[in-house]
Amino acid sequence: VANAIEPAVLQNCIFCHQSDEAGH
């Protein structure tokens, strides 16, 4: 949602883990 509103947010993001929930 945040990325759709303001795409530049992605450059500050560290993705900490891959969830076991389907889809992640």
mmCIF file of all heavy atoms, coordinates in Angstrom:
data_MODEL
# 
_entry.id   MODEL 
# 
loop_
_atom_site.group_PDB 
_atom_site.id 
_atom_site.type_symbol 
_atom_site.label_atom_id 
_atom_site.label_alt_id 
_atom_site.label_comp_id 
_atom_site.label_asym_id 
_atom_site.label_entity_id 
_atom_site.label_seq_id 
_atom_site.pdbx_PDB_ins_code 
_atom_site.Cartn_x 
_atom_site.Cartn_y 
_atom_site.Cartn_z 
_atom_site.occupancy 
_atom_site.B_iso_or_equiv 
_atom_site.pdbx_formal_charge 
_atom_site.auth_seq_id 
_atom_site.auth_comp_id 
_atom_site.auth_asym_id 
_atom_site.auth_atom_id 
_atom_site.pdbx_PDB_model_num 
ATOM 1   N N   . VAL A 1 1  ? 0.841  -1.200  0.000  1.00 0.00 ? 1  VAL A N   1 
ATOM 2   C CA  . VAL A 1 1  ? 0.000  0.000   0.000  1.00 0.00 ? 1  VAL A CA  1 
ATOM 3   C C   . VAL A 1 1  ? 0.877  1.252   0.000  1.00 0.00 ? 1  VAL A C   1 
ATOM 4   O O   . VAL A 1 1  ? 0.697  2.170   -0.810 1.00 0.00 ? 1  VAL A O   1 
ATOM 5   C CB  . VAL A 1 1  ? -0.945 0.014   1.211  1.00 0.00 ? 1  VAL A CB  1 
ATOM 6   C CG1 . VAL A 1 1  ? -1.768 1.298   1.229  1.00 0.00 ? 1  VAL A CG1 1 
ATOM 7   C CG2 . VAL A 1 1  ? -1.861 -1.206  1.205  1.00 0.00 ? 1  VAL A CG2 1 
ATOM 8   N N   . ALA A 1 2  ? 1.840  1.288   0.921  1.00 0.00 ? 2  ALA A N   1 
ATOM 9   C CA  . ALA A 1 2  ? 2.736  2.448   1.018  1.00 0.00 ? 2  ALA A CA  1 
ATOM 10  C C   . ALA A 1 2  ? 3.484  2.668   -0.284 1.00 0.00 ? 2  ALA A C   1 
ATOM 11  O O   . ALA A 1 2  ? 3.634  3.805   -0.754 1.00 0.00 ? 2  ALA A O   1 
ATOM 12  C CB  . ALA A 1 2  ? 3.713  2.252   2.177  1.00 0.00 ? 2  ALA A CB  1 
ATOM 13  N N   . ASN A 1 3  ? 3.942  1.585   -0.888 1.00 0.00 ? 3  ASN A N   1 
ATOM 14  C CA  . ASN A 1 3  ? 4.700  1.658   -2.129 1.00 0.00 ? 3  ASN A CA  1 
ATOM 15  C C   . ASN A 1 3  ? 3.838  2.160   -3.281 1.00 0.00 ? 3  ASN A C   1 
ATOM 16  O O   . ASN A 1 3  ? 4.321  2.855   -4.178 1.00 0.00 ? 3  ASN A O   1 
ATOM 17  C CB  . ASN A 1 3  ? 5.277  0.281   -2.454 1.00 0.00 ? 3  ASN A CB  1 
ATOM 18  C CG  . ASN A 1 3  ? 6.201  0.296   -3.656 1.00 0.00 ? 3  ASN A CG  1 
ATOM 19  O OD1 . ASN A 1 3  ? 7.208  0.988   -3.672 1.00 0.00 ? 3  ASN A OD1 1 
ATOM 20  N ND2 . ASN A 1 3  ? 5.853  -0.479  -4.676 1.00 0.00 ? 3  ASN A ND2 1 
ATOM 21  N N   . ALA A 1 4  ? 2.547  1.811   -3.260 1.00 0.00 ? 4  ALA A N   1 
ATOM 22  C CA  . ALA A 1 4  ? 1.635  2.289   -4.305 1.00 0.00 ? 4  ALA A CA  1 
ATOM 23  C C   . ALA A 1 4  ? 1.386  3.791   -4.174 1.00 0.00 ? 4  ALA A C   1 
ATOM 24  O O   . ALA A 1 4  ? 1.188  4.478   -5.172 1.00 0.00 ? 4  ALA A O   1 
ATOM 25  C CB  . ALA A 1 4  ? 0.312  1.526   -4.226 1.00 0.00 ? 4  ALA A CB  1 
ATOM 26  N N   . ILE A 1 5  ? 1.408  4.281   -2.946 1.00 0.00 ? 5  ILE A N   1 
ATOM 27  C CA  . ILE A 1 5  ? 1.207  5.716   -2.712 1.00 0.00 ? 5  ILE A CA  1 
ATOM 28  C C   . ILE A 1 5  ? 2.500  6.485   -2.932 1.00 0.00 ? 5  ILE A C   1 
ATOM 29  O O   . ILE A 1 5  ? 2.511  7.554   -3.549 1.00 0.00 ? 5  ILE A O   1 
ATOM 30  C CB  . ILE A 1 5  ? 0.674  5.955   -1.280 1.00 0.00 ? 5  ILE A CB  1 
ATOM 31  C CG1 . ILE A 1 5  ? -0.683 5.274   -1.091 1.00 0.00 ? 5  ILE A CG1 1 
ATOM 32  C CG2 . ILE A 1 5  ? 0.567  7.454   -0.989 1.00 0.00 ? 5  ILE A CG2 1 
ATOM 33  C CD1 . ILE A 1 5  ? -1.186 5.288   0.345  1.00 0.00 ? 5  ILE A CD1 1 
ATOM 34  N N   . GLU A 1 6  ? 3.610  5.927   -2.438 1.00 0.00 ? 6  GLU A N   1 
ATOM 35  C CA  . GLU A 1 6  ? 4.907  6.603   -2.514 1.00 0.00 ? 6  GLU A CA  1 
ATOM 36  C C   . GLU A 1 6  ? 5.994  5.567   -2.789 1.00 0.00 ? 6  GLU A C   1 
ATOM 37  O O   . GLU A 1 6  ? 6.580  4.993   -1.868 1.00 0.00 ? 6  GLU A O   1 
ATOM 38  C CB  . GLU A 1 6  ? 5.184  7.342   -1.198 1.00 0.00 ? 6  GLU A CB  1 
ATOM 39  C CG  . GLU A 1 6  ? 6.502  8.073   -1.153 1.00 0.00 ? 6  GLU A CG  1 
ATOM 40  C CD  . GLU A 1 6  ? 6.764  8.933   -2.372 1.00 0.00 ? 6  GLU A CD  1 
ATOM 41  O OE1 . GLU A 1 6  ? 6.199  10.022  -2.452 1.00 0.00 ? 6  GLU A OE1 1 
ATOM 42  O OE2 . GLU A 1 6  ? 7.538  8.494   -3.256 1.00 0.00 ? 6  GLU A OE2 1 
ATOM 43  N N   . PRO A 1 7  ? 6.292  5.296   -4.089 1.00 0.00 ? 7  PRO A N   1 
ATOM 44  C CA  . PRO A 1 7  ? 7.228  4.219   -4.440 1.00 0.00 ? 7  PRO A CA  1 
ATOM 45  C C   . PRO A 1 7  ? 8.627  4.357   -3.847 1.00 0.00 ? 7  PRO A C   1 
ATOM 46  O O   . PRO A 1 7  ? 9.311  3.351   -3.653 1.00 0.00 ? 7  PRO A O   1 
ATOM 47  C CB  . PRO A 1 7  ? 7.267  4.294   -5.974 1.00 0.00 ? 7  PRO A CB  1 
ATOM 48  C CG  . PRO A 1 7  ? 5.973  4.921   -6.360 1.00 0.00 ? 7  PRO A CG  1 
ATOM 49  C CD  . PRO A 1 7  ? 5.664  5.901   -5.273 1.00 0.00 ? 7  PRO A CD  1 
ATOM 50  N N   . ALA A 1 8  ? 9.067  5.574   -3.541 1.00 0.00 ? 8  ALA A N   1 
ATOM 51  C CA  . ALA A 1 8  ? 10.417 5.757   -3.019 1.00 0.00 ? 8  ALA A CA  1 
ATOM 52  C C   . ALA A 1 8  ? 10.613 5.141   -1.639 1.00 0.00 ? 8  ALA A C   1 
ATOM 53  O O   . ALA A 1 8  ? 11.743 5.013   -1.172 1.00 0.00 ? 8  ALA A O   1 
ATOM 54  C CB  . ALA A 1 8  ? 10.766 7.245   -2.971 1.00 0.00 ? 8  ALA A CB  1 
ATOM 55  N N   . VAL A 1 9  ? 9.522  4.739   -0.971 1.00 0.00 ? 9  VAL A N   1 
ATOM 56  C CA  . VAL A 1 9  ? 9.643  4.150   0.359  1.00 0.00 ? 9  VAL A CA  1 
ATOM 57  C C   . VAL A 1 9  ? 10.477 2.876   0.327  1.00 0.00 ? 9  VAL A C   1 
ATOM 58  O O   . VAL A 1 9  ? 11.149 2.520   1.297  1.00 0.00 ? 9  VAL A O   1 
ATOM 59  C CB  . VAL A 1 9  ? 8.239  3.884   0.964  1.00 0.00 ? 9  VAL A CB  1 
ATOM 60  C CG1 . VAL A 1 9  ? 7.537  2.740   0.271  1.00 0.00 ? 9  VAL A CG1 1 
ATOM 61  C CG2 . VAL A 1 9  ? 8.330  3.614   2.452  1.00 0.00 ? 9  VAL A CG2 1 
ATOM 62  N N   . LEU A 1 10 ? 10.464 2.183   -0.797 1.00 0.00 ? 10 LEU A N   1 
ATOM 63  C CA  . LEU A 1 10 ? 11.112 0.875   -0.895 1.00 0.00 ? 10 LEU A CA  1 
ATOM 64  C C   . LEU A 1 10 ? 12.610 0.947   -0.648 1.00 0.00 ? 10 LEU A C   1 
ATOM 65  O O   . LEU A 1 10 ? 13.207 0.001   -0.101 1.00 0.00 ? 10 LEU A O   1 
ATOM 66  C CB  . LEU A 1 10 ? 10.824 0.273   -2.275 1.00 0.00 ? 10 LEU A CB  1 
ATOM 67  C CG  . LEU A 1 10 ? 11.093 -1.216  -2.467 1.00 0.00 ? 10 LEU A CG  1 
ATOM 68  C CD1 . LEU A 1 10 ? 10.242 -2.042  -1.519 1.00 0.00 ? 10 LEU A CD1 1 
ATOM 69  C CD2 . LEU A 1 10 ? 10.826 -1.610  -3.914 1.00 0.00 ? 10 LEU A CD2 1 
ATOM 70  N N   . GLN A 1 11 ? 13.255 2.045   -1.016 1.00 0.00 ? 11 GLN A N   1 
ATOM 71  C CA  . GLN A 1 11 ? 14.705 2.132   -0.891 1.00 0.00 ? 11 GLN A CA  1 
ATOM 72  C C   . GLN A 1 11 ? 15.175 2.130   0.560  1.00 0.00 ? 11 GLN A C   1 
ATOM 73  O O   . GLN A 1 11 ? 16.341 1.829   0.834  1.00 0.00 ? 11 GLN A O   1 
ATOM 74  C CB  . GLN A 1 11 ? 15.218 3.373   -1.612 1.00 0.00 ? 11 GLN A CB  1 
ATOM 75  C CG  . GLN A 1 11 ? 14.809 4.695   -0.972 1.00 0.00 ? 11 GLN A CG  1 
ATOM 76  C CD  . GLN A 1 11 ? 15.131 5.902   -1.842 1.00 0.00 ? 11 GLN A CD  1 
ATOM 77  O OE1 . GLN A 1 11 ? 15.427 5.766   -3.022 1.00 0.00 ? 11 GLN A OE1 1 
ATOM 78  N NE2 . GLN A 1 11 ? 15.078 7.089   -1.244 1.00 0.00 ? 11 GLN A NE2 1 
ATOM 79  N N   . ASN A 1 12 ? 14.291 2.433   1.487  1.00 0.00 ? 12 ASN A N   1 
ATOM 80  C CA  . ASN A 1 12 ? 14.661 2.460   2.909  1.00 0.00 ? 12 ASN A CA  1 
ATOM 81  C C   . ASN A 1 12 ? 14.363 1.151   3.621  1.00 0.00 ? 12 ASN A C   1 
ATOM 82  O O   . ASN A 1 12 ? 14.614 1.033   4.823  1.00 0.00 ? 12 ASN A O   1 
ATOM 83  C CB  . ASN A 1 12 ? 13.918 3.589   3.622  1.00 0.00 ? 12 ASN A CB  1 
ATOM 84  C CG  . ASN A 1 12 ? 14.463 4.960   3.294  1.00 0.00 ? 12 ASN A CG  1 
ATOM 85  O OD1 . ASN A 1 12 ? 14.578 5.322   2.127  1.00 0.00 ? 12 ASN A OD1 1 
ATOM 86  N ND2 . ASN A 1 12 ? 14.803 5.737   4.309  1.00 0.00 ? 12 ASN A ND2 1 
ATOM 87  N N   . CYS A 1 13 ? 13.824 0.170   2.908  1.00 0.00 ? 13 CYS A N   1 
ATOM 88  C CA  . CYS A 1 13 ? 13.311 -1.048  3.541  1.00 0.00 ? 13 CYS A CA  1 
ATOM 89  C C   . CYS A 1 13 ? 14.314 -2.192  3.549  1.00 0.00 ? 13 CYS A C   1 
ATOM 90  O O   . CYS A 1 13 ? 14.891 -2.542  2.510  1.00 0.00 ? 13 CYS A O   1 
ATOM 91  C CB  . CYS A 1 13 ? 12.042 -1.514  2.825  1.00 0.00 ? 13 CYS A CB  1 
ATOM 92  S SG  . CYS A 1 13 ? 10.640 -0.394  3.015  1.00 0.00 ? 13 CYS A SG  1 
ATOM 93  N N   . ILE A 1 14 ? 14.488 -2.786  4.718  1.00 0.00 ? 14 ILE A N   1 
ATOM 94  C CA  . ILE A 1 14 ? 15.238 -4.034  4.881  1.00 0.00 ? 14 ILE A CA  1 
ATOM 95  C C   . ILE A 1 14 ? 14.216 -5.121  5.176  1.00 0.00 ? 14 ILE A C   1 
ATOM 96  O O   . ILE A 1 14 ? 13.444 -5.019  6.136  1.00 0.00 ? 14 ILE A O   1 
ATOM 97  C CB  . ILE A 1 14 ? 16.260 -3.924  6.024  1.00 0.00 ? 14 ILE A CB  1 
ATOM 98  C CG1 . ILE A 1 14 ? 17.346 -2.903  5.662  1.00 0.00 ? 14 ILE A CG1 1 
ATOM 99  C CG2 . ILE A 1 14 ? 16.883 -5.288  6.335  1.00 0.00 ? 14 ILE A CG2 1 
ATOM 100 C CD1 . ILE A 1 14 ? 18.269 -2.562  6.817  1.00 0.00 ? 14 ILE A CD1 1 
ATOM 101 N N   . PHE A 1 15 ? 14.206 -6.155  4.363  1.00 0.00 ? 15 PHE A N   1 
ATOM 102 C CA  . PHE A 1 15 ? 13.221 -7.227  4.503  1.00 0.00 ? 15 PHE A CA  1 
ATOM 103 C C   . PHE A 1 15 ? 13.810 -8.313  5.394  1.00 0.00 ? 15 PHE A C   1 
ATOM 104 O O   . PHE A 1 15 ? 14.773 -8.976  5.035  1.00 0.00 ? 15 PHE A O   1 
ATOM 105 C CB  . PHE A 1 15 ? 12.821 -7.748  3.125  1.00 0.00 ? 15 PHE A CB  1 
ATOM 106 C CG  . PHE A 1 15 ? 12.047 -6.719  2.344  1.00 0.00 ? 15 PHE A CG  1 
ATOM 107 C CD1 . PHE A 1 15 ? 12.727 -5.733  1.643  1.00 0.00 ? 15 PHE A CD1 1 
ATOM 108 C CD2 . PHE A 1 15 ? 10.665 -6.710  2.364  1.00 0.00 ? 15 PHE A CD2 1 
ATOM 109 C CE1 . PHE A 1 15 ? 12.022 -4.751  0.955  1.00 0.00 ? 15 PHE A CE1 1 
ATOM 110 C CE2 . PHE A 1 15 ? 9.964  -5.734  1.681  1.00 0.00 ? 15 PHE A CE2 1 
ATOM 111 C CZ  . PHE A 1 15 ? 10.638 -4.753  0.967  1.00 0.00 ? 15 PHE A CZ  1 
ATOM 112 N N   . CYS A 1 16 ? 13.223 -8.441  6.568  1.00 0.00 ? 16 CYS A N   1 
ATOM 113 C CA  . CYS A 1 16 ? 13.873 -9.195  7.633  1.00 0.00 ? 16 CYS A CA  1 
ATOM 114 C C   . CYS A 1 16 ? 13.727 -10.708 7.498  1.00 0.00 ? 16 CYS A C   1 
ATOM 115 O O   . CYS A 1 16 ? 14.633 -11.439 7.869  1.00 0.00 ? 16 CYS A O   1 
ATOM 116 C CB  . CYS A 1 16 ? 13.330 -8.733  8.985  1.00 0.00 ? 16 CYS A CB  1 
ATOM 117 S SG  . CYS A 1 16 ? 13.817 -7.022  9.360  1.00 0.00 ? 16 CYS A SG  1 
ATOM 118 N N   . HIS A 1 17 ? 12.600 -11.165 7.002  1.00 0.00 ? 17 HIS A N   1 
ATOM 119 C CA  . HIS A 1 17 ? 12.448 -12.619 6.871  1.00 0.00 ? 17 HIS A CA  1 
ATOM 120 C C   . HIS A 1 17 ? 11.368 -12.944 5.855  1.00 0.00 ? 17 HIS A C   1 
ATOM 121 O O   . HIS A 1 17 ? 10.577 -12.080 5.463  1.00 0.00 ? 17 HIS A O   1 
ATOM 122 C CB  . HIS A 1 17 ? 12.108 -13.258 8.222  1.00 0.00 ? 17 HIS A CB  1 
ATOM 123 C CG  . HIS A 1 17 ? 10.670 -13.108 8.634  1.00 0.00 ? 17 HIS A CG  1 
ATOM 124 N ND1 . HIS A 1 17 ? 9.794  -14.179 8.728  1.00 0.00 ? 17 HIS A ND1 1 
ATOM 125 C CD2 . HIS A 1 17 ? 9.950  -12.024 8.981  1.00 0.00 ? 17 HIS A CD2 1 
ATOM 126 C CE1 . HIS A 1 17 ? 8.608  -13.745 9.125  1.00 0.00 ? 17 HIS A CE1 1 
ATOM 127 N NE2 . HIS A 1 17 ? 8.668  -12.445 9.286  1.00 0.00 ? 17 HIS A NE2 1 
ATOM 128 N N   . GLN A 1 18 ? 11.381 -14.194 5.415  1.00 0.00 ? 18 GLN A N   1 
ATOM 129 C CA  . GLN A 1 18 ? 10.316 -14.709 4.551  1.00 0.00 ? 18 GLN A CA  1 
ATOM 130 C C   . GLN A 1 18 ? 9.357  -15.510 5.402  1.00 0.00 ? 18 GLN A C   1 
ATOM 131 O O   . GLN A 1 18 ? 9.720  -16.515 6.004  1.00 0.00 ? 18 GLN A O   1 
ATOM 132 C CB  . GLN A 1 18 ? 10.893 -15.591 3.437  1.00 0.00 ? 18 GLN A CB  1 
ATOM 133 C CG  . GLN A 1 18 ? 9.825  -16.167 2.515  1.00 0.00 ? 18 GLN A CG  1 
ATOM 134 C CD  . GLN A 1 18 ? 10.428 -16.993 1.408  1.00 0.00 ? 18 GLN A CD  1 
ATOM 135 O OE1 . GLN A 1 18 ? 11.261 -16.510 0.635  1.00 0.00 ? 18 GLN A OE1 1 
ATOM 136 N NE2 . GLN A 1 18 ? 10.047 -18.257 1.333  1.00 0.00 ? 18 GLN A NE2 1 
ATOM 137 N N   . SER A 1 19 ? 8.130  -15.039 5.468  1.00 0.00 ? 19 SER A N   1 
ATOM 138 C CA  . SER A 1 19 ? 7.113  -15.703 6.282  1.00 0.00 ? 19 SER A CA  1 
ATOM 139 C C   . SER A 1 19 ? 6.755  -17.067 5.710  1.00 0.00 ? 19 SER A C   1 
ATOM 140 O O   . SER A 1 19 ? 6.864  -17.315 4.507  1.00 0.00 ? 19 SER A O   1 
ATOM 141 C CB  . SER A 1 19 ? 5.863  -14.822 6.342  1.00 0.00 ? 19 SER A CB  1 
ATOM 142 O OG  . SER A 1 19 ? 4.773  -15.522 6.909  1.00 0.00 ? 19 SER A OG  1 
ATOM 143 N N   . ASP A 1 20 ? 6.285  -17.946 6.576  1.00 0.00 ? 20 ASP A N   1 
ATOM 144 C CA  . ASP A 1 20 ? 5.787  -19.246 6.148  1.00 0.00 ? 20 ASP A CA  1 
ATOM 145 C C   . ASP A 1 20 ? 4.348  -19.153 5.637  1.00 0.00 ? 20 ASP A C   1 
ATOM 146 O O   . ASP A 1 20 ? 3.801  -20.127 5.150  1.00 0.00 ? 20 ASP A O   1 
ATOM 147 C CB  . ASP A 1 20 ? 5.854  -20.246 7.315  1.00 0.00 ? 20 ASP A CB  1 
ATOM 148 C CG  . ASP A 1 20 ? 5.903  -21.690 6.847  1.00 0.00 ? 20 ASP A CG  1 
ATOM 149 O OD1 . ASP A 1 20 ? 6.552  -21.954 5.825  1.00 0.00 ? 20 ASP A OD1 1 
ATOM 150 O OD2 . ASP A 1 20 ? 5.281  -22.551 7.498  1.00 0.00 ? 20 ASP A OD2 1 
ATOM 151 N N   . GLU A 1 21 ? 3.740  -17.978 5.764  1.00 0.00 ? 21 GLU A N   1 
ATOM 152 C CA  . GLU A 1 21 ? 2.385  -17.763 5.256  1.00 0.00 ? 21 GLU A CA  1 
ATOM 153 C C   . GLU A 1 21 ? 2.402  -17.754 3.726  1.00 0.00 ? 21 GLU A C   1 
ATOM 154 O O   . GLU A 1 21 ? 3.242  -17.108 3.095  1.00 0.00 ? 21 GLU A O   1 
ATOM 155 C CB  . GLU A 1 21 ? 1.832  -16.440 5.783  1.00 0.00 ? 21 GLU A CB  1 
ATOM 156 C CG  . GLU A 1 21 ? 0.476  -16.052 5.241  1.00 0.00 ? 21 GLU A CG  1 
ATOM 157 C CD  . GLU A 1 21 ? -0.666 -16.928 5.741  1.00 0.00 ? 21 GLU A CD  1 
ATOM 158 O OE1 . GLU A 1 21 ? -0.436 -17.782 6.636  1.00 0.00 ? 21 GLU A OE1 1 
ATOM 159 O OE2 . GLU A 1 21 ? -1.790 -16.760 5.246  1.00 0.00 ? 21 GLU A OE2 1 
ATOM 160 N N   . ALA A 1 22 ? 1.474  -18.500 3.139  1.00 0.00 ? 22 ALA A N   1 
ATOM 161 C CA  . ALA A 1 22 ? 1.402  -18.563 1.682  1.00 0.00 ? 22 ALA A CA  1 
ATOM 162 C C   . ALA A 1 22 ? 1.274  -17.168 1.109  1.00 0.00 ? 22 ALA A C   1 
ATOM 163 O O   . ALA A 1 22 ? 0.533  -16.336 1.602  1.00 0.00 ? 22 ALA A O   1 
ATOM 164 C CB  . ALA A 1 22 ? 0.212  -19.418 1.264  1.00 0.00 ? 22 ALA A CB  1 
ATOM 165 N N   . GLY A 1 23 ? 2.001  -16.899 0.075  1.00 0.00 ? 23 GLY A N   1 
ATOM 166 C CA  . GLY A 1 23 ? 1.927  -15.607 -0.591 1.00 0.00 ? 23 GLY A CA  1 
ATOM 167 C C   . GLY A 1 23 ? 3.093  -14.687 -0.300 1.00 0.00 ? 23 GLY A C   1 
ATOM 168 O O   . GLY A 1 23 ? 3.427  -13.844 -1.138 1.00 0.00 ? 23 GLY A O   1 
ATOM 169 N N   . HIS A 1 24 ? 3.729  -14.829 0.850  1.00 0.00 ? 24 HIS A N   1 
ATOM 170 C CA  . HIS A 1 24 ? 4.783  -13.871 1.174  1.00 0.00 ? 24 HIS A CA  1 
ATOM 171 C C   . HIS A 1 24 ? 5.984  -13.995 0.244  1.00 0.00 ? 24 HIS A C   1 
ATOM 172 O O   . HIS A 1 24 ? 6.561  -12.987 -0.193 1.00 0.00 ? 24 HIS A O   1 
ATOM 173 C CB  . HIS A 1 24 ? 5.230  -14.010 2.630  1.00 0.00 ? 24 HIS A CB  1 
ATOM 174 C CG  . HIS A 1 24 ? 6.065  -12.857 3.091  1.00 0.00 ? 24 HIS A CG  1 
ATOM 175 N ND1 . HIS A 1 24 ? 7.182  -13.016 3.885  1.00 0.00 ? 24 HIS A ND1 1 
ATOM 176 C CD2 . HIS A 1 24 ? 5.966  -11.514 2.865  1.00 0.00 ? 24 HIS A CD2 1 
ATOM 177 C CE1 . HIS A 1 24 ? 7.716  -11.829 4.129  1.00 0.00 ? 24 HIS A CE1 1 
ATOM 178 N NE2 . HIS A 1 24 ? 6.995  -10.906 3.518  1.00 0.00 ? 24 HIS A NE2 1 
# 
